[in-house]
Amino acid sequence: MKFMKLGSKPDSFQTDDNNIRYVQSELASDITVAIDDVKFHLHKFPLLSKSACLQKLVAIANEDNSNEVDISNIPGGPAAFEICAKFCYGMTVTLNAYNVVATRCAAEYLGMHEDIEKGNLIYKVDVFLGTSILRSWKDSIIVLQTANSLIPFSEELKVINQCIEAIAIKACVDVSKVDWSYTYNRKKLPEQHGNDPNWNGVRNRAVPKDWWVEDLCELEIDLYKRIIVNIKTKVRVPDEVIGEALKAYAYRRLSGFYKGMIQCKDFGKYRSVVDAIGWLLPAEKGSVSCSFLLKLLKAAITVGSGDMVKGQLVRRIGQQLEEANVNDILIRAPEGESTKYDVDTIHKIVEEFLMQDHNAEIESAEGDQEVIEIRRPGILSDASKLMVAKLIDSYLAEIAKDRNLPLLKFVDLAEMVSSISRPAHDGLYRAIDMYLKEHPAISKSERKKICKLMDCRKLSVDACVHAVQNERLPLRVVVQVLFFEQVRAAASSGSSTPDLPKGIKDLKNGSYGSSRSIATNPEEDWDAVATAEELKALKGELAALRMANGVGGSERNGNDSRISSIDKAAVSKMKGLLKSKKIFTKLWSSKAGQGGDNSGSDSSESLGSAIPEEAKSTPSRNRRNSVS
């Protein structure tokens, strides 16, 4: 730290127990200077020879036959005045980064200019600031901190502006020219691990581009904001460096920010920090991580930031949503809400993400008599869309655990990414199953609505096995899963893909024979949860498939040793699934039998026409009675 000594006489100021300060001297004091509850018993001659202000005040006091003057509003208080008084006496005083601004403001208040006496205090302090303090990186920051408590005096004297300018210039210096000390604790250095081959006791590592960000975290938000703005206007500082600076400041100044849970009592102070960081964010996409933006959005919601700040953050997050993970987007709902999570905010973020494609720019090309509009293709890559779709699937699985979550919010959010093609719907199935588990009381129509979100053809083998045994799914979905797994198995084994039975076609299209419709309400039957008897039949079929897997696997072990164990199990399962046609007949016959003989006969014939070999070997009535 830089310092400067003034004066040569020994310090002879004394203090008693009653806030009385005096100079130990043979001469009696002839002036009392009062500052709040502290009184200085001093001598007029050394003070009046250097202070224009005291000259005027003593003249006024003499007219009133008084020897006391009050300067309680002097900046810096008794401590700053004591430095000025010692300078007047010629006693030794030491100026440093902690007291120089207060001394400068007090000297200005006392009028200690050059026109009163050459080499006065103001001149000496200004020289010290310009030649020493402002040339030091850390001293400049300390001076700026102390100057903040002396506003408006420090602002009027341009001390704050000088400090901000000096700090910004140093932050913009080429890293190869940085030869002063700075704080950098965010990344452990190789030499601190003791495994740096180039470490020989001398600091020879390169200076990082963001070397300055931690030291600035010591400043209050108003001064910090002014410095960042100044840095931005000076040179082209990389946006990622500015982003790193804002991230470091948020972690330092916002308690609990790292965990995404702000903990504070002074919401006004925290709100000013959040709003300022949001305002200072670089415009370039990727200058800060999506995780940081989401933490900032959570903080903005917690401290009650305005809609403009939150809207800006929502737009920024939407532009890089593919970088987020599930924990990042789990935003707690505000107090007073019935739901656990703020689904509406995530809905807005997904909208912003998708709008990047919808808001493709339109160019106009003028022809001879008409204007032709050319729409550019969307800017979102398929990979980004797929990542967001999977992210929302995982998010739906988490929020589905909230028993107060309305079905409409779940469905609306799922439908927003339904247009994004993804190879598997396992994540969506997991979310739907979780919602059905936590909301067992939903109606048949609601159960049907939520199950329509997934495509049974895109479920993996493991998901299909789970779905077949899932008692929460409507029977319609269970049958569809079995059929599409049969089709997939047939295609994989090289067999011709079986035709879709008429009963299953009717099931998918929602159309049935007139006699069935009159006798019963088959739509409700198929949308209802599978009964224990029906699931027992399905589980029996599944067990048969598993047994087929085991047999098929043992046979192939002897025929072809080149096939891996995983491939063997897969092929075995596919062969076994070919036998699952029986379950469709059983299930359809069981449902048809409830509507009467005519209905059962119609249904049996439709299935028999699709599966002639089974129709010949087993009568329709026997098939119907096998389940019932």
Foldseek 3Di string as FASTA:
>chain_A
DDKDKFFDAADQWDDDPQLEIEGDDPDFFQAWEDAPRHIYRHHDVLLVLQFPQVVVQCVVQVVVVHRYGYDNVQQPTPVLVVQLSCNSVRHMDMDALQCLLSVLSNCVVRVRDVVSPNPTDNVVSVCCCVPPQLQAQLSLLSNLQNVVVRPPSCVVVCSNVSSLVSNLVVLPDDQVPDDHDADDDPDDDPVNVVPDPPDDPDPDDGQDNLRHLQSLLVHQPVSSLSSLVVNVPPDPRPLLSLQVSLLNNCPSPFPPLVVLDGDDDCLVSLLSSLQSSLVSRDPDQPSYALLSLLSSLLSCVVSVHDPVSNVSSLLNSLCPVLRDALSSQQRADDPPDLAGGDLVSVLSSVVSNVVQQVPFDWDWDDDPPDIDIDGDGHPDDLVSLQSVLLRVLQNLLVSLLTLPDDLVSSLVSLVSSLVRDDQACLSNLNSLLSNCVSHVPDDLVSLVSSVVSDDLLRHDPVSLVVLLLRQSAFQLSNVNNLLSLLQVLCVVVVHDRADDFPVNVCSVVVHDDPLQVVQDPVVSNRSDGDDPLLSVLSVVLVVQLVVQLVVQLVVVVVVDVVDDSVNSSVNSSSVSSNVVLLSVLLVQLQSQVSRDDVSSVVSNVRSCVRVVVVCVVDPSVVSPVVRD
